[in-house]
Amino acid sequence: MELYIHLPFCRKKCRYCDFASWAGMEDRMEDYVAAVIREAQSRAAALGTFRPETVFIGGGTPSVLPPSLLDRLLDGVFRLFPPKHGAEITSEANPGTLTADWLSAAQAQGVNRLSLGMQAAQPELLRMLGRIHDTAAVGESVRLIRAQGIRNLNLDLMFGLPGQTEAMWQETLQTALSFTPEHISCYGLIPEDGTPLKDDLDSGALTLPEEETERAMYDKAISLLGQAGYAQYEISNFAKPGFACRHNIGYWQRVPYLGLGLAAASMFLRPDGSCLRETNTALMADYLREPGTGRESEAASGTDAMFESLMLGLRMTEGVSEAAFEAMHGQPLSAVYGKKLSQLADRGLLIHEHGSWRLTRRGMDIQNTVLVELMEPDA
């Protein structure tokens, strides 16, 4: 099992973000920490305690939580769900909010991996995104992280941004490399409905790069990061040897996880390979009053669960293991999708080797097209 803890507080809401997060709620922080601990207690009573192999603290911006409250939160949760020895414990953080005191509190509770939102190197792009930092603040955050002794650092970057050129993206990549992180994530912008950035795109105030330009940016990331020793292990993620994110790999391989906090999701596997997903309320007042109530539940079974295994597994460069698929679903992958997989391989979109199916480079470029063709099993 894995564990996710959501912290919905931000210094400023980014213009592209549709997550459950808000600025100006500092007066709710103490009550929220107490609510998460109450939810953890309720979950432990219902599910039993377990020792997570990975923990991910996301948001929002976890680094805006005062160190004393971070300590109280993690102490309360980890008493109920103590991480295994050697567990990967990641926290997101943003430049401009990270302090030495916060890092000390995080590390004292076992946090051993930081994911820092750098996003871009150009001030004009950062302003357009609504970020509060500049490149100098990224450098200062990296210095603080290294001074604390943390040697597992991810930098999040974004490409395909309005006004972003290929030269800007190359500069962002090279700036990120200058900070020598162990891991780099490169996410193409997905404009989300209801965000100020999407409104600007819809009105014509901002314009996205051409599709060919965005693809060239992605190719540049693969090339530059590969030359620098970062192996691509998932469509958007690159790591030095030994530093692939274990928490995210678990998600793509359908390892069960428990989510605590506002709008947090959980996933539990059943013996037949089907799964149950639960999502907490996204309403702050409801969560503070009675955390864990009003959860939405959704079950995925049969072909839906098998397609989910295929969809998530194909995000990884190692692909979908035939043995793991059969162990989870009780049917050989070839018996369910064999004809379609072979057809996609004949078109140069998939490769079958070493007992796994994986996307080719061309297949990664048009992953959505591949997945649409696999949504239904063989006739």
Foldseek 3Di string as FASTA:
>chain_A
DEEEEEDQEACCDWQQDPDLHDYDVLVCLQLQLVLLLVVLVVCCVVPNEEAHLEYEYEYHAVLQRPLVSVLSSLVSNCVRHPHDVPHAYEYEHEQPRHDLSNLVSCVVSPHQEYEYEPAFADPVQCVLRVHDDHLVSVLVNLVSCVVSVRQAYEYEYEPQGFPDFLVRLLVRLVSVVVSVHQKYFYYYRDRDPPGNSVVCCVVVVTDTDDPVRRVVSLVSNCVVLVVVQWPAFFLGMTGHPPRDDPVLVCVLQVPWYDYTGAQTKTWDADQQLKIKMKTWHSDPVVSSVHNPPPIDIDIADDLRSLLSNQLSQQRTQQAHAQVSSCNRHVDGPCVWAVVLLVVCVVVVQWDDDPRHIYGDPVVSSPVVVSSVSPSGTDD
